[in-house]
Amino acid sequence: MSEGMELQNGLFVNHKNNYRSHESHGNVTPADVYSSRYRRMIKCQTLQDHRLRSHAQAA
C-alpha cells in the first residue's frame, strides 16, 4: 500500500473511532464507549478490592 493510502486510511479510522458518533453506540463515538467501559471495569475492580480488604480486616 502506498504511503498516501496508509495516511488516508489512518485519518479515516481516527475520524470514525474518535469523532463520528455511531447510532448503535447510543450516538457516542467508539472511543467514548471503550473508555466508559474501561472506567466501569476499573471502578468495579476497585470496589471488589475494597470489599476484600474490609472483610480481611474484619476477620
N, C-alpha and C. Protein backbone atom coordinates (compact mmCIF):
# COMPACT_ATOMS: atom_id res chain seq x y z
N MET A 1 0.86 -1.17 0.00
CA MET A 1 0.00 0.00 0.00
C MET A 1 0.90 1.24 0.00
N SER A 2 0.52 2.23 -0.75
CA SER A 2 1.35 3.43 -0.84
C SER A 2 1.24 4.25 0.45
N GLU A 3 2.22 5.11 0.65
CA GLU A 3 2.25 5.95 1.85
C GLU A 3 1.02 6.86 1.93
N GLY A 4 0.59 7.35 0.78
CA GLY A 4 -0.60 8.20 0.73
C GLY A 4 -1.86 7.46 1.15
N MET A 5 -1.98 6.23 0.68
CA MET A 5 -3.15 5.42 1.05
C MET A 5 -3.13 5.09 2.54
N GLU A 6 -1.96 4.77 3.08
CA GLU A 6 -1.86 4.48 4.51
C GLU A 6 -2.27 5.69 5.34
N LEU A 7 -1.85 6.87 4.92
CA LEU A 7 -2.23 8.09 5.63
C LEU A 7 -3.74 8.30 5.56
N GLN A 8 -4.32 8.14 4.38
CA GLN A 8 -5.77 8.31 4.23
C GLN A 8 -6.53 7.30 5.08
N ASN A 9 -6.09 6.04 5.09
CA ASN A 9 -6.74 5.02 5.92
C ASN A 9 -6.64 5.38 7.39
N GLY A 10 -5.47 5.83 7.82
CA GLY A 10 -5.29 6.22 9.22
C GLY A 10 -6.19 7.38 9.61
N LEU A 11 -6.31 8.37 8.73
CA LEU A 11 -7.19 9.51 9.01
C LEU A 11 -8.65 9.07 9.10
N PHE A 12 -9.06 8.17 8.20
CA PHE A 12 -10.43 7.67 8.21
C PHE A 12 -10.73 6.91 9.50
N VAL A 13 -9.84 6.01 9.88
CA VAL A 13 -10.04 5.22 11.10
C VAL A 13 -10.06 6.13 12.33
N ASN A 14 -9.18 7.10 12.38
CA ASN A 14 -9.15 8.04 13.50
C ASN A 14 -10.47 8.81 13.59
N HIS A 15 -10.95 9.29 12.46
CA HIS A 15 -12.22 10.03 12.44
C HIS A 15 -13.38 9.12 12.87
N LYS A 16 -13.43 7.94 12.32
CA LYS A 16 -14.53 7.00 12.63
C LYS A 16 -14.55 6.62 14.11
N ASN A 17 -13.38 6.42 14.71
CA ASN A 17 -13.32 5.98 16.11
C ASN A 17 -13.41 7.11 17.13
N ASN A 18 -12.97 8.31 16.76
CA ASN A 18 -12.85 9.37 17.75
C ASN A 18 -13.77 10.57 17.55
N TYR A 19 -14.34 10.73 16.36
CA TYR A 19 -15.14 11.93 16.10
C TYR A 19 -16.55 11.64 15.59
N ARG A 20 -16.75 10.52 14.92
CA ARG A 20 -18.05 10.20 14.33
C ARG A 20 -18.87 9.38 15.31
N SER A 21 -20.01 9.93 15.71
CA SER A 21 -20.87 9.17 16.63
C SER A 21 -21.55 8.04 15.87
N HIS A 22 -21.87 6.97 16.58
CA HIS A 22 -22.47 5.78 15.97
C HIS A 22 -23.81 5.52 16.66
N GLU A 23 -24.84 5.42 15.86
CA GLU A 23 -26.18 5.18 16.40
C GLU A 23 -26.22 3.91 17.24
N SER A 24 -25.50 2.88 16.82
CA SER A 24 -25.52 1.61 17.55
C SER A 24 -24.85 1.73 18.92
N HIS A 25 -24.07 2.80 19.13
CA HIS A 25 -23.42 3.02 20.42
C HIS A 25 -24.13 4.10 21.23
N GLY A 26 -25.39 4.38 20.90
CA GLY A 26 -26.11 5.42 21.62
C GLY A 26 -25.67 6.81 21.21
N ASN A 27 -25.26 6.96 19.97
CA ASN A 27 -24.82 8.23 19.41
C ASN A 27 -23.61 8.83 20.11
N VAL A 28 -22.71 7.98 20.51
CA VAL A 28 -21.40 8.42 21.00
C VAL A 28 -20.33 7.73 20.16
N THR A 29 -19.11 8.18 20.28
CA THR A 29 -18.03 7.59 19.49
C THR A 29 -17.60 6.26 20.09
N PRO A 30 -17.02 5.39 19.27
CA PRO A 30 -16.48 4.13 19.81
C PRO A 30 -15.44 4.38 20.91
N ALA A 31 -14.64 5.43 20.75
CA ALA A 31 -13.65 5.74 21.78
C ALA A 31 -14.32 6.06 23.11
N ASP A 32 -15.44 6.79 23.08
CA ASP A 32 -16.18 7.09 24.31
C ASP A 32 -16.75 5.83 24.93
N VAL A 33 -17.28 4.95 24.11
CA VAL A 33 -17.83 3.70 24.61
C VAL A 33 -16.72 2.89 25.29
N TYR A 34 -15.61 2.77 24.63
CA TYR A 34 -14.50 2.00 25.17
C TYR A 34 -14.02 2.59 26.48
N SER A 35 -13.82 3.90 26.52
CA SER A 35 -13.29 4.50 27.74
C SER A 35 -14.29 4.41 28.88
N SER A 36 -15.59 4.51 28.60
CA SER A 36 -16.59 4.37 29.66
C SER A 36 -16.59 2.95 30.21
N ARG A 37 -16.51 2.00 29.33
CA ARG A 37 -16.45 0.60 29.79
C ARG A 37 -15.18 0.38 30.61
N TYR A 38 -14.11 0.96 30.15
CA TYR A 38 -12.85 0.81 30.87
C TYR A 38 -12.97 1.40 32.27
N ARG A 39 -13.54 2.60 32.39
CA ARG A 39 -13.70 3.23 33.71
C ARG A 39 -14.60 2.40 34.62
N ARG A 40 -15.67 1.83 34.05
CA ARG A 40 -16.56 0.98 34.87
C ARG A 40 -15.83 -0.26 35.34
N MET A 41 -15.01 -0.86 34.47
CA MET A 41 -14.26 -2.05 34.87
C MET A 41 -13.30 -1.72 36.00
N ILE A 42 -12.61 -0.59 35.90
CA ILE A 42 -11.68 -0.18 36.94
C ILE A 42 -12.44 0.09 38.24
N LYS A 43 -13.59 0.75 38.14
CA LYS A 43 -14.39 1.06 39.33
C LYS A 43 -14.85 -0.23 40.01
N CYS A 44 -15.33 -1.20 39.24
CA CYS A 44 -15.78 -2.47 39.80
C CYS A 44 -14.63 -3.20 40.48
N GLN A 45 -13.47 -3.20 39.84
CA GLN A 45 -12.31 -3.86 40.43
C GLN A 45 -11.90 -3.19 41.73
N THR A 46 -11.93 -1.86 41.76
CA THR A 46 -11.57 -1.12 42.96
C THR A 46 -12.54 -1.42 44.10
N LEU A 47 -13.84 -1.46 43.79
CA LEU A 47 -14.84 -1.79 44.82
C LEU A 47 -14.66 -3.20 45.33
N GLN A 48 -14.37 -4.14 44.43
CA GLN A 48 -14.15 -5.52 44.84
C GLN A 48 -12.92 -5.62 45.74
N ASP A 49 -11.84 -4.94 45.37
CA ASP A 49 -10.63 -4.93 46.19
C ASP A 49 -10.91 -4.36 47.57
N HIS A 50 -11.69 -3.29 47.62
CA HIS A 50 -12.04 -2.66 48.90
C HIS A 50 -12.85 -3.62 49.78
N ARG A 51 -13.82 -4.30 49.16
CA ARG A 51 -14.62 -5.28 49.93
C ARG A 51 -13.75 -6.39 50.49
N LEU A 52 -12.85 -6.90 49.67
CA LEU A 52 -11.97 -7.97 50.14
C LEU A 52 -11.09 -7.50 51.29
N ARG A 53 -10.55 -6.29 51.20
CA ARG A 53 -9.73 -5.77 52.30
C ARG A 53 -10.56 -5.57 53.55
N SER A 54 -11.78 -5.08 53.39
CA SER A 54 -12.66 -4.84 54.54
C SER A 54 -13.01 -6.16 55.24
N HIS A 55 -13.29 -7.19 54.46
CA HIS A 55 -13.61 -8.50 55.04
C HIS A 55 -12.38 -9.10 55.73
N ALA A 56 -11.22 -8.91 55.14
CA ALA A 56 -10.00 -9.44 55.74
C ALA A 56 -9.69 -8.74 57.06
N GLN A 57 -9.93 -7.44 57.12
CA GLN A 57 -9.69 -6.69 58.35
C GLN A 57 -10.69 -7.07 59.43
N ALA A 58 -11.93 -7.39 59.03
CA ALA A 58 -12.97 -7.73 60.00
C ALA A 58 -12.74 -9.13 60.57
N ALA A 59 -12.04 -9.97 59.87
CA ALA A 59 -11.83 -11.35 60.32
C ALA A 59 -10.75 -11.47 61.38
